[in-house]
C-alpha atoms as a PDB file:
ATOM      1  CA  SER A   1     -35.104 359.327  67.938  1.00  0.00           C
ATOM      2  CA  ASP A   2     -32.423 361.790  66.643  1.00  0.00           C
ATOM      3  CA  LEU A   3     -30.868 361.420  70.289  1.00  0.00           C
ATOM      4  CA  VAL A   4     -30.733 358.975  72.922  1.00  0.00           C
ATOM      5  CA  ILE A   5     -29.567 359.993  76.552  1.00  0.00           C
ATOM      6  CA  THR A   6     -28.451 357.520  79.099  1.00  0.00           C
ATOM      7  CA  PRO A   7     -27.729 358.542  82.517  1.00  0.00           C
ATOM      8  CA  SER A   8     -24.250 356.397  82.702  1.00  0.00           C
ATOM      9  CA  GLU A   9     -21.376 355.039  80.171  1.00  0.00           C
ATOM     10  CA  HIS A  10     -22.297 351.856  81.537  1.00  0.00           C
ATOM     11  CA  THR A  11     -26.214 351.988  80.556  1.00  0.00           C
ATOM     12  CA  ARG A  12     -24.867 353.487  77.077  1.00  0.00           C
ATOM     13  CA  ARG A  13     -22.544 350.634  76.581  1.00  0.00           C
ATOM     14  CA  GLU A  14     -25.099 347.936  77.516  1.00  0.00           C
ATOM     15  CA  LEU A  15     -27.719 349.755  75.132  1.00  0.00           C
ATOM     16  CA  LEU A  16     -25.302 349.626  72.314  1.00  0.00           C
ATOM     17  CA  LYS A  17     -24.964 345.914  72.952  1.00  0.00           C
ATOM     18  CA  ALA A  18     -28.777 345.575  72.797  1.00  0.00           C
ATOM     19  CA  ARG A  19     -29.766 347.764  69.921  1.00  0.00           C
ATOM     20  CA  PRO A  20     -28.045 348.754  66.593  1.00  0.00           C
ATOM     21  CA  LEU A  21     -27.907 352.342  67.018  1.00  0.00           C
ATOM     22  CA  PRO A  22     -25.259 354.915  65.604  1.00  0.00           C
ATOM     23  CA  PRO A  23     -22.918 355.256  68.462  1.00  0.00           C
ATOM     24  CA  GLU A  24     -23.104 359.015  67.977  1.00  0.00           C
ATOM     25  CA  ARG A  25     -26.712 359.305  68.886  1.00  0.00           C
ATOM     26  CA  VAL A  26     -26.403 358.316  72.241  1.00  0.00           C
ATOM     27  CA  GLN A  27     -24.888 360.431  74.749  1.00  0.00           C
ATOM     28  CA  THR A  28     -24.499 360.084  78.388  1.00  0.00           C
ATOM     29  CA  VAL A  29     -25.986 362.777  80.617  1.00  0.00           C
ATOM     30  CA  GLY A  30     -25.436 362.031  84.649  1.00  0.00           C
ATOM     31  CA  ILE A  31     -28.401 362.630  86.955  1.00  0.00           C
ATOM     32  CA  HIS A  32     -28.588 366.013  88.649  1.00  0.00           C
ATOM     33  CA  VAL A  33     -28.529 365.837  92.447  1.00  0.00           C
ATOM     34  CA  PRO A  34     -31.031 368.618  93.621  1.00  0.00           C
ATOM     35  CA  GLY A  35     -29.464 371.390  95.619  1.00  0.00           C
ATOM     36  CA  GLU A  36     -31.457 370.302  98.725  1.00  0.00           C
ATOM     37  CA  ILE A  37     -29.614 367.207  98.858  1.00  0.00           C
ATOM     38  CA  SER A  38     -26.643 368.905 100.749  1.00  0.00           C
ATOM     39  CA  PRO A  39     -24.074 368.211 103.897  1.00  0.00           C
ATOM     40  CA  PRO A  40     -24.921 368.956 107.206  1.00  0.00           C
ATOM     41  CA  ILE A  41     -23.715 371.973 109.000  1.00  0.00           C
ATOM     42  CA  PRO A  42     -20.160 372.052 109.964  1.00  0.00           C
ATOM     43  CA  GLY A  43     -19.551 370.861 113.466  1.00  0.00           C
ATOM     44  CA  THR A  44     -22.428 367.796 113.145  1.00  0.00           C
ATOM     45  CA  VAL A  45     -21.474 364.845 114.707  1.00  0.00           C
ATOM     46  CA  ARG A  46     -22.610 361.688 112.826  1.00  0.00           C
ATOM     47  CA  GLU A  47     -24.137 358.782 114.723  1.00  0.00           C
ATOM     48  CA  PRO A  48     -21.213 356.067 115.138  1.00  0.00           C
ATOM     49  CA  ALA A  49     -21.099 352.471 113.413  1.00  0.00           C
ATOM     50  CA  THR A  50     -24.679 352.986 111.501  1.00  0.00           C
ATOM     51  CA  ILE A  51     -24.614 351.959 107.978  1.00  0.00           C
ATOM     52  CA  LEU A  52     -27.352 353.017 105.647  1.00  0.00           C
ATOM     53  CA  SER A  53     -29.087 351.053 102.735  1.00  0.00           C
ATOM     54  CA  ILE A  54     -31.303 352.445 100.647  1.00  0.00           C
ATOM     55  CA  GLY A  55     -33.964 351.117  97.662  1.00  0.00           C
ATOM     56  CA  THR A  56     -35.783 347.984  96.890  1.00  0.00           C
ATOM     57  CA  THR A  57     -35.425 344.468  97.875  1.00  0.00           C
ATOM     58  CA  ALA A  58     -34.988 343.478  94.643  1.00  0.00           C
ATOM     59  CA  PRO A  59     -32.346 340.540  93.910  1.00  0.00           C
ATOM     60  CA  TYR A  60     -29.922 342.595  92.025  1.00  0.00           C
ATOM     61  CA  LYS A  61     -29.364 344.949  95.150  1.00  0.00           C
ATOM     62  CA  ASN A  62     -27.846 341.862  96.702  1.00  0.00           C
ATOM     63  CA  LEU A  63     -29.188 342.312 100.374  1.00  0.00           C
ATOM     64  CA  PRO A  64     -28.600 339.102 101.221  1.00  0.00           C
ATOM     65  CA  LEU A  65     -24.630 339.691 100.860  1.00  0.00           C
ATOM     66  CA  LEU A  66     -24.912 342.903 102.915  1.00  0.00           C
ATOM     67  CA  LEU A  67     -26.511 340.901 105.722  1.00  0.00           C
ATOM     68  CA  HIS A  68     -23.860 338.477 105.357  1.00  0.00           C
ATOM     69  CA  ALA A  69     -21.630 341.000 105.593  1.00  0.00           C
ATOM     70  CA  LEU A  70     -23.281 342.438 108.695  1.00  0.00           C
ATOM     71  CA  ALA A  71     -22.747 339.390 110.526  1.00  0.00           C
ATOM     72  CA  ARG A  72     -19.035 339.376 110.268  1.00  0.00           C
ATOM     73  CA  PRO A  73     -16.694 340.017 113.372  1.00  0.00           C
ATOM     74  CA  GLU A  74     -15.241 342.974 111.533  1.00  0.00           C
ATOM     75  CA  LEU A  75     -18.860 344.732 111.661  1.00  0.00           C
ATOM     76  CA  ARG A  76     -19.523 343.558 115.291  1.00  0.00           C
ATOM     77  CA  GLY A  77     -21.765 346.135 116.978  1.00  0.00           C
ATOM     78  CA  ALA A  78     -22.509 347.882 113.849  1.00  0.00           C
ATOM     79  CA  THR A  79     -26.292 348.960 112.899  1.00  0.00           C
ATOM     80  CA  LEU A  80     -27.957 348.654 109.294  1.00  0.00           C
ATOM     81  CA  VAL A  81     -30.355 351.182 108.878  1.00  0.00           C
ATOM     82  CA  ARG A  82     -32.855 350.293 105.973  1.00  0.00           C
ATOM     83  CA  VAL A  83     -34.839 352.738 103.914  1.00  0.00           C
ATOM     84  CA  GLY A  84     -37.270 351.559 101.448  1.00  0.00           C
ATOM     85  CA  TYR A  85     -39.342 348.405 100.996  1.00  0.00           C
ATOM     86  CA  PRO A  86     -39.509 346.190 103.967  1.00  0.00           C
ATOM     87  CA  PHE A  87     -37.410 343.033 104.121  1.00  0.00           C
ATOM     88  CA  ASP A  88     -39.653 340.329 102.399  1.00  0.00           C
ATOM     89  CA  GLU A  89     -39.555 336.797 101.419  1.00  0.00           C
ATOM     90  CA  ASP A  90     -36.224 334.966 102.294  1.00  0.00           C
ATOM     91  CA  LEU A  91     -34.568 338.285 104.040  1.00  0.00           C
ATOM     92  CA  PRO A  92     -36.383 337.964 107.339  1.00  0.00           C
ATOM     93  CA  ALA A  93     -35.181 334.672 108.018  1.00  0.00           C
ATOM     94  CA  LEU A  94     -32.137 335.354 107.253  1.00  0.00           C
ATOM     95  CA  VAL A  95     -31.713 338.210 109.643  1.00  0.00           C
ATOM     96  CA  ARG A  96     -32.822 335.478 112.247  1.00  0.00           C
ATOM     97  CA  THR A  97     -30.026 332.958 110.914  1.00  0.00           C
ATOM     98  CA  LEU A  98     -27.376 335.570 111.372  1.00  0.00           C
ATOM     99  CA  GLY A  99     -28.768 336.603 114.760  1.00  0.00           C
ATOM    100  CA  LEU A 100     -28.925 340.187 113.477  1.00  0.00           C
ATOM    101  CA  GLU A 101     -32.522 341.118 114.865  1.00  0.00           C
ATOM    102  CA  ASP A 102     -31.110 343.603 117.046  1.00  0.00           C
ATOM    103  CA  ARG A 103     -28.944 345.131 114.553  1.00  0.00           C
ATOM    104  CA  VAL A 104     -31.267 345.774 111.646  1.00  0.00           C
ATOM    105  CA  LEU A 105     -33.447 348.866 111.761  1.00  0.00           C
ATOM    106  CA  GLU A 106     -35.878 348.847 109.086  1.00  0.00           C
ATOM    107  CA  LEU A 107     -37.739 352.392 108.727  1.00  0.00           C
ATOM    108  CA  GLY A 108     -39.186 351.498 105.674  1.00  0.00           C
ATOM    109  CA  GLY A 109     -40.722 354.534 103.269  1.00  0.00           C
ATOM    110  CA  VAL A 110     -39.532 357.973 104.982  1.00  0.00           C
ATOM    111  CA  THR A 111     -40.253 361.585 103.750  1.00  0.00           C
ATOM    112  CA  ASP A 112     -37.739 363.621 101.669  1.00  0.00           C
ATOM    113  CA  GLU A 113     -36.922 365.453 105.134  1.00  0.00           C
ATOM    114  CA  GLY A 114     -36.401 361.870 106.601  1.00  0.00           C
ATOM    115  CA  LEU A 115     -34.156 360.718 103.960  1.00  0.00           C
ATOM    116  CA  LEU A 116     -31.934 363.733 104.177  1.00  0.00           C
ATOM    117  CA  SER A 117     -31.490 363.556 107.999  1.00  0.00           C
ATOM    118  CA  LEU A 118     -30.365 359.970 107.563  1.00  0.00           C
ATOM    119  CA  LEU A 119     -28.062 360.932 104.977  1.00  0.00           C
ATOM    120  CA  ARG A 120     -26.485 363.531 107.210  1.00  0.00           C
ATOM    121  CA  SER A 121     -26.514 361.474 110.190  1.00  0.00           C
ATOM    122  CA  CYS A 122     -25.090 357.857 109.409  1.00  0.00           C
ATOM    123  CA  THR A 123     -21.705 356.684 109.297  1.00  0.00           C
ATOM    124  CA  VAL A 124     -21.595 355.276 105.854  1.00  0.00           C
ATOM    125  CA  LEU A 125     -23.860 353.975 102.447  1.00  0.00           C
ATOM    126  CA  ALA A 126     -23.449 350.694 101.769  1.00  0.00           C
ATOM    127  CA  GLN A 127     -24.352 349.797  97.834  1.00  0.00           C
ATOM    128  CA  PRO A 128     -23.610 346.152  97.023  1.00  0.00           C
ATOM    129  CA  SER A 129     -25.731 346.075  93.976  1.00  0.00           C
ATOM    130  CA  LEU A 130     -24.986 343.311  91.163  1.00  0.00           C
ATOM    131  CA  THR A 131     -25.813 345.954  88.532  1.00  0.00           C
ATOM    132  CA  GLU A 132     -27.038 349.500  88.460  1.00  0.00           C
ATOM    133  CA  GLY A 133     -27.787 351.738  85.676  1.00  0.00           C
ATOM    134  CA  PHE A 134     -26.699 354.806  87.775  1.00  0.00           C
ATOM    135  CA  GLY A 135     -27.111 354.575  91.642  1.00  0.00           C
ATOM    136  CA  MET A 136     -28.799 357.786  92.890  1.00  0.00           C
ATOM    137  CA  PRO A 137     -28.391 356.672  96.413  1.00  0.00           C
ATOM    138  CA  VAL A 138     -24.564 356.911  95.671  1.00  0.00           C
ATOM    139  CA  ALA A 139     -24.708 360.556  94.523  1.00  0.00           C
ATOM    140  CA  GLU A 140     -26.945 361.477  96.838  1.00  0.00           C
ATOM    141  CA  ALA A 141     -24.789 360.373  99.811  1.00  0.00           C
ATOM    142  CA  MET A 142     -21.698 361.864  98.290  1.00  0.00           C
ATOM    143  CA  ALA A 143     -23.633 365.051  98.155  1.00  0.00           C
ATOM    144  CA  CYS A 144     -24.342 365.201 101.584  1.00  0.00           C
ATOM    145  CA  GLY A 145     -20.793 364.301 102.725  1.00  0.00           C
ATOM    146  CA  LEU A 146     -21.627 360.466 103.408  1.00  0.00           C
ATOM    147  CA  PRO A 147     -18.931 357.975 102.551  1.00  0.00           C
ATOM    148  CA  VAL A 148     -20.007 355.182 100.333  1.00  0.00           C
ATOM    149  CA  VAL A 149     -18.948 351.773 100.167  1.00  0.00           C
ATOM    150  CA  ALA A 150     -19.865 350.041  96.856  1.00  0.00           C
ATOM    151  CA  SER A 151     -19.714 347.038  94.579  1.00  0.00           C
ATOM    152  CA  ASN A 152     -18.391 347.106  91.206  1.00  0.00           C
ATOM    153  CA  GLY A 153     -21.882 346.138  89.770  1.00  0.00           C
ATOM    154  CA  GLY A 154     -22.817 348.198  86.742  1.00  0.00           C
ATOM    155  CA  ALA A 155     -22.653 352.047  86.991  1.00  0.00           C
ATOM    156  CA  LEU A 156     -21.547 352.467  90.563  1.00  0.00           C
ATOM    157  CA  PRO A 157     -17.612 352.426  90.121  1.00  0.00           C
ATOM    158  CA  GLU A 158     -18.412 355.315  87.463  1.00  0.00           C
ATOM    159  CA  VAL A 159     -20.549 357.136  89.741  1.00  0.00           C
ATOM    160  CA  ALA A 160     -18.624 356.875  93.281  1.00  0.00           C
ATOM    161  CA  GLY A 161     -15.333 357.734  91.191  1.00  0.00           C
ATOM    162  CA  ARG A 162     -12.219 358.129  93.361  1.00  0.00           C
ATOM    163  CA  ALA A 163     -14.381 359.330  96.499  1.00  0.00           C
ATOM    164  CA  GLY A 164     -16.028 356.130  97.155  1.00  0.00           C
ATOM    165  CA  ARG A 165     -14.637 352.446  98.296  1.00  0.00           C
ATOM    166  CA  VAL A 166     -15.592 350.258  95.219  1.00  0.00           C
ATOM    167  CA  VAL A 167     -14.859 346.632  96.483  1.00  0.00           C
ATOM    168  CA  PRO A 168     -14.699 344.228  93.327  1.00  0.00           C
ATOM    169  CA  PHE A 169     -17.318 341.312  93.594  1.00  0.00           C
ATOM    170  CA  ARG A 170     -15.974 337.961  92.426  1.00  0.00           C
ATOM    171  CA  ASN A 171     -20.069 337.078  91.629  1.00  0.00           C
ATOM    172  CA  LEU A 172     -21.893 339.994  90.241  1.00  0.00           C
ATOM    173  CA  GLY A 173     -24.297 337.157  88.672  1.00  0.00           C
ATOM    174  CA  SER A 174     -27.222 335.227  89.816  1.00  0.00           C
ATOM    175  CA  GLY A 175     -26.443 332.183  92.401  1.00  0.00           C
ATOM    176  CA  PRO A 176     -25.318 331.702  95.788  1.00  0.00           C
ATOM    177  CA  ILE A 177     -23.609 334.451  97.565  1.00  0.00           C
ATOM    178  CA  ASN A 178     -19.693 334.394  97.390  1.00  0.00           C
ATOM    179  CA  LEU A 179     -18.728 334.568 101.127  1.00  0.00           C
ATOM    180  CA  ASP A 180     -15.628 335.757 100.260  1.00  0.00           C
ATOM    181  CA  ASP A 181     -17.317 338.787  98.519  1.00  0.00           C
ATOM    182  CA  ALA A 182     -19.003 339.407 101.989  1.00  0.00           C
ATOM    183  CA  ARG A 183     -16.139 339.442 103.843  1.00  0.00           C
ATOM    184  CA  ASP A 184     -14.361 341.965 101.768  1.00  0.00           C
ATOM    185  CA  PHE A 185     -17.262 344.209 101.510  1.00  0.00           C
ATOM    186  CA  ALA A 186     -17.267 343.813 105.434  1.00  0.00           C
ATOM    187  CA  ARG A 187     -13.650 344.902 105.637  1.00  0.00           C
ATOM    188  CA  ALA A 188     -14.298 347.859 103.654  1.00  0.00           C
ATOM    189  CA  LEU A 189     -17.030 349.189 105.505  1.00  0.00           C
ATOM    190  CA  ALA A 190     -15.476 348.323 109.162  1.00  0.00           C
ATOM    191  CA  ALA A 191     -12.514 350.454 107.661  1.00  0.00           C
ATOM    192  CA  VAL A 192     -14.497 353.672 107.270  1.00  0.00           C
ATOM    193  CA  VAL A 193     -16.702 352.719 110.533  1.00  0.00           C
ATOM    194  CA  GLU A 194     -13.395 352.661 112.559  1.00  0.00           C
ATOM    195  CA  ASP A 195     -11.666 355.738 111.320  1.00  0.00           C
ATOM    196  CA  PRO A 196     -12.911 359.194 111.941  1.00  0.00           C
ATOM    197  CA  GLY A 197     -10.088 360.376 109.870  1.00  0.00           C
ATOM    198  CA  LEU A 198     -11.078 358.278 106.676  1.00  0.00           C
ATOM    199  CA  GLN A 199     -14.605 359.475 107.020  1.00  0.00           C
ATOM    200  CA  GLN A 200     -13.685 363.063 106.869  1.00  0.00           C
ATOM    201  CA  ALA A 201     -11.232 362.118 103.820  1.00  0.00           C
ATOM    202  CA  MET A 202     -14.118 360.287 102.054  1.00  0.00           C
ATOM    203  CA  SER A 203     -16.515 362.838 102.877  1.00  0.00           C
ATOM    204  CA  ALA A 204     -14.713 365.944 101.255  1.00  0.00           C
ATOM    205  CA  ALA A 205     -13.876 363.427  98.346  1.00  0.00           C
ATOM    206  CA  GLY A 206     -17.524 362.755  97.638  1.00  0.00           C
ATOM    207  CA  LEU A 207     -18.613 366.648  98.072  1.00  0.00           C
ATOM    208  CA  ALA A 208     -15.952 367.388  95.371  1.00  0.00           C
ATOM    209  CA  GLU A 209     -16.939 364.549  93.159  1.00  0.00           C
ATOM    210  CA  VAL A 210     -20.485 366.008  92.790  1.00  0.00           C
ATOM    211  CA  GLU A 211     -19.618 369.257  91.819  1.00  0.00           C
END
């Protein structure tokens, strides 16, 4: 190939580590967020204490850590709204073990219109992934004015920029969850959930970031 395009600098670096390509032939072009992904009309009130999670249940999405964060005292009363593949394998048992049955709302697959409605109505997006090649939910959330709390996995800090809250994780590999990471992630989410002023500031910063 004369040119290889990657969606993030993180993916570009990983590709150059794995393949002996001339660096000048590998360029980064960020993914475009469609114009219909846009913020709600001014004056719209978001649902309080609703944490949105989007995507698959693959291990790299780090959903067990998100559930442990939800169970922390800092997020008492918050609801997790899940869009995408339903919980499978050990996740339903973990929900029960942590006593979260009434605080996890699984919507499964939704229409584009349904996803847009959630991006415009929830309080904050949680993206605790161990790695991401780009992180489209983060970009879409910011385009809708939805505050973002993310891990430092893969390209997430790059996509969130200075608009999101990036939580550095001690463990970005396989193995047991680091409960200190879950605590830090819960605190970052709680800071957004509890502060309307911070929500407004992060919303404005997110919209500026995706322009």
